[in-house]
Amino acid sequence: MAVIVHANENIDSALKRLHREVLRERILETFRNRTYRIKKADLKIQKRREWAKMKRRRRTAARRAK
């Protein structure tokens, strides 16, 4: 992963491009996940919580839409 800074380009815009590339490739996310060992059970719990949150939001939105 690299960003080439052009002669007439501002350094801030080059840093923004680098930041976008880091976000796109999820480098920080994978680094955090590999720093500590995460058990499969913890991943399942996390997914279940996310799905439960989405389910609650959908239900409340459906109720409000009536």
N, C-alpha and C. Protein backbone atom coordinates (compact mmCIF):
# COMPACT_ATOMS: atom_id res chain seq x y z
N MET A 1 0.85 -1.17 0.00
CA MET A 1 0.00 0.00 0.00
C MET A 1 0.90 1.23 0.00
N ALA A 2 0.63 2.13 -0.95
CA ALA A 2 1.44 3.33 -1.03
C ALA A 2 0.65 4.43 -1.72
N VAL A 3 1.00 5.65 -1.40
CA VAL A 3 0.40 6.82 -2.04
C VAL A 3 1.53 7.69 -2.55
N ILE A 4 1.50 7.99 -3.84
CA ILE A 4 2.53 8.82 -4.43
C ILE A 4 2.06 10.28 -4.39
N VAL A 5 2.88 11.14 -3.80
CA VAL A 5 2.56 12.57 -3.73
C VAL A 5 3.10 13.23 -4.99
N HIS A 6 2.22 13.86 -5.75
CA HIS A 6 2.61 14.52 -6.99
C HIS A 6 3.23 15.88 -6.69
N ALA A 7 3.91 16.43 -7.67
CA ALA A 7 4.66 17.68 -7.48
C ALA A 7 3.76 18.85 -7.10
N ASN A 8 2.61 18.94 -7.74
CA ASN A 8 1.72 20.07 -7.49
C ASN A 8 0.60 19.74 -6.50
N GLU A 9 0.72 18.64 -5.78
CA GLU A 9 -0.34 18.20 -4.87
C GLU A 9 -0.03 18.63 -3.44
N ASN A 10 -1.07 18.98 -2.74
CA ASN A 10 -0.95 19.34 -1.33
C ASN A 10 -0.74 18.06 -0.50
N ILE A 11 0.06 18.16 0.54
CA ILE A 11 0.34 16.99 1.38
C ILE A 11 -0.92 16.52 2.09
N ASP A 12 -1.78 17.46 2.47
CA ASP A 12 -3.02 17.09 3.16
C ASP A 12 -3.91 16.21 2.29
N SER A 13 -4.00 16.55 1.01
CA SER A 13 -4.83 15.73 0.12
C SER A 13 -4.22 14.35 -0.08
N ALA A 14 -2.90 14.28 -0.10
CA ALA A 14 -2.25 12.97 -0.21
C ALA A 14 -2.51 12.13 1.05
N LEU A 15 -2.47 12.77 2.20
CA LEU A 15 -2.77 12.05 3.44
C LEU A 15 -4.22 11.58 3.47
N LYS A 16 -5.12 12.39 2.93
CA LYS A 16 -6.53 11.97 2.86
C LYS A 16 -6.66 10.73 1.98
N ARG A 17 -5.93 10.73 0.84
CA ARG A 17 -5.98 9.57 -0.03
C ARG A 17 -5.44 8.33 0.66
N LEU A 18 -4.36 8.50 1.40
CA LEU A 18 -3.79 7.38 2.16
C LEU A 18 -4.78 6.87 3.20
N HIS A 19 -5.42 7.79 3.89
CA HIS A 19 -6.41 7.41 4.91
C HIS A 19 -7.57 6.64 4.29
N ARG A 20 -8.06 7.11 3.13
CA ARG A 20 -9.14 6.40 2.45
C ARG A 20 -8.72 5.00 2.05
N GLU A 21 -7.49 4.86 1.59
CA GLU A 21 -7.00 3.55 1.20
C GLU A 21 -6.90 2.62 2.39
N VAL A 22 -6.43 3.15 3.53
CA VAL A 22 -6.35 2.35 4.75
C VAL A 22 -7.74 1.88 5.18
N LEU A 23 -8.72 2.78 5.10
CA LEU A 23 -10.09 2.40 5.47
C LEU A 23 -10.65 1.38 4.50
N ARG A 24 -10.37 1.56 3.22
CA ARG A 24 -10.90 0.65 2.20
C ARG A 24 -10.36 -0.76 2.38
N GLU A 25 -9.08 -0.87 2.73
CA GLU A 25 -8.47 -2.18 2.88
C GLU A 25 -8.61 -2.75 4.29
N ARG A 26 -9.21 -1.99 5.19
CA ARG A 26 -9.48 -2.42 6.57
C ARG A 26 -8.21 -2.86 7.29
N ILE A 27 -7.16 -2.09 7.14
CA ILE A 27 -5.86 -2.44 7.73
C ILE A 27 -5.92 -2.32 9.26
N LEU A 28 -6.48 -1.22 9.76
CA LEU A 28 -6.53 -1.05 11.22
C LEU A 28 -7.42 -2.10 11.87
N GLU A 29 -8.51 -2.45 11.18
CA GLU A 29 -9.43 -3.45 11.72
C GLU A 29 -8.73 -4.80 11.86
N THR A 30 -8.03 -5.21 10.82
CA THR A 30 -7.33 -6.50 10.88
C THR A 30 -6.20 -6.46 11.91
N PHE A 31 -5.55 -5.31 12.04
CA PHE A 31 -4.49 -5.20 13.04
C PHE A 31 -5.05 -5.39 14.44
N ARG A 32 -6.18 -4.73 14.73
CA ARG A 32 -6.80 -4.87 16.05
C ARG A 32 -7.23 -6.30 16.30
N ASN A 33 -7.78 -6.94 15.28
CA ASN A 33 -8.25 -8.32 15.44
C ASN A 33 -7.09 -9.29 15.67
N ARG A 34 -5.94 -9.01 15.07
CA ARG A 34 -4.79 -9.91 15.22
C ARG A 34 -3.94 -9.60 16.43
N THR A 35 -4.13 -8.43 17.03
CA THR A 35 -3.34 -8.07 18.20
C THR A 35 -3.68 -8.99 19.37
N TYR A 36 -4.96 -9.21 19.57
CA TYR A 36 -5.41 -10.06 20.66
C TYR A 36 -6.15 -11.26 20.08
N ARG A 37 -6.09 -12.34 20.79
CA ARG A 37 -6.79 -13.54 20.35
C ARG A 37 -8.27 -13.38 20.69
N ILE A 38 -9.12 -13.57 19.69
CA ILE A 38 -10.56 -13.48 19.90
C ILE A 38 -11.15 -14.87 19.71
N LYS A 39 -11.85 -15.34 20.73
CA LYS A 39 -12.45 -16.67 20.65
C LYS A 39 -13.64 -16.67 19.70
N LYS A 40 -13.95 -17.83 19.14
CA LYS A 40 -15.09 -17.96 18.23
C LYS A 40 -16.39 -17.62 18.95
N ALA A 41 -16.48 -17.99 20.20
CA ALA A 41 -17.69 -17.72 20.96
C ALA A 41 -17.90 -16.21 21.11
N ASP A 42 -16.84 -15.46 21.32
CA ASP A 42 -16.96 -14.01 21.44
C ASP A 42 -17.42 -13.39 20.12
N LEU A 43 -16.92 -13.92 19.01
CA LEU A 43 -17.37 -13.42 17.70
C LEU A 43 -18.86 -13.69 17.49
N LYS A 44 -19.30 -14.89 17.90
CA LYS A 44 -20.72 -15.22 17.76
C LYS A 44 -21.58 -14.30 18.62
N ILE A 45 -21.11 -14.02 19.83
CA ILE A 45 -21.85 -13.13 20.73
C ILE A 45 -21.95 -11.73 20.12
N GLN A 46 -20.84 -11.25 19.57
CA GLN A 46 -20.83 -9.93 18.96
C GLN A 46 -21.79 -9.86 17.77
N LYS A 47 -21.80 -10.89 16.92
CA LYS A 47 -22.71 -10.92 15.77
C LYS A 47 -24.15 -10.96 16.23
N ARG A 48 -24.42 -11.76 17.28
CA ARG A 48 -25.78 -11.88 17.80
C ARG A 48 -26.27 -10.54 18.32
N ARG A 49 -25.40 -9.79 19.01
CA ARG A 49 -25.78 -8.47 19.52
C ARG A 49 -26.09 -7.51 18.39
N GLU A 50 -25.27 -7.55 17.32
CA GLU A 50 -25.51 -6.67 16.18
C GLU A 50 -26.84 -6.99 15.51
N TRP A 51 -27.11 -8.28 15.33
CA TRP A 51 -28.37 -8.67 14.71
C TRP A 51 -29.56 -8.27 15.59
N ALA A 52 -29.41 -8.42 16.91
CA ALA A 52 -30.49 -8.04 17.82
C ALA A 52 -30.75 -6.54 17.74
N LYS A 53 -29.69 -5.75 17.65
CA LYS A 53 -29.86 -4.31 17.53
C LYS A 53 -30.58 -3.95 16.24
N MET A 54 -30.19 -4.61 15.13
CA MET A 54 -30.86 -4.35 13.85
C MET A 54 -32.32 -4.75 13.90
N LYS A 55 -32.58 -5.87 14.57
CA LYS A 55 -33.96 -6.36 14.68
C LYS A 55 -34.82 -5.38 15.47
N ARG A 56 -34.26 -4.86 16.59
CA ARG A 56 -35.00 -3.87 17.38
C ARG A 56 -35.29 -2.63 16.57
N ARG A 57 -34.31 -2.16 15.81
CA ARG A 57 -34.50 -0.95 15.00
C ARG A 57 -35.56 -1.16 13.94
N ARG A 58 -35.54 -2.33 13.30
CA ARG A 58 -36.55 -2.61 12.28
C ARG A 58 -37.94 -2.66 12.87
N ARG A 59 -38.06 -3.28 14.04
CA ARG A 59 -39.37 -3.38 14.68
C ARG A 59 -39.91 -2.01 15.06
N THR A 60 -39.05 -1.18 15.65
CA THR A 60 -39.51 0.16 16.04
C THR A 60 -39.86 0.99 14.82
N ALA A 61 -39.11 0.84 13.74
CA ALA A 61 -39.41 1.58 12.52
C ALA A 61 -40.74 1.11 11.93
N ALA A 62 -40.99 -0.19 11.99
CA ALA A 62 -42.25 -0.73 11.46
C ALA A 62 -43.42 -0.23 12.30
N ARG A 63 -43.22 -0.19 13.63
CA ARG A 63 -44.30 0.31 14.49
C ARG A 63 -44.59 1.78 14.23
N ARG A 64 -43.55 2.57 14.05
CA ARG A 64 -43.73 4.00 13.81
C ARG A 64 -44.35 4.27 12.45
N ALA A 65 -44.10 3.38 11.50
CA ALA A 65 -44.63 3.58 10.15
C ALA A 65 -46.14 3.35 10.09
N LYS A 66 -46.68 2.61 11.05
CA LYS A 66 -48.14 2.32 11.04
C LYS A 66 -48.98 3.54 11.34
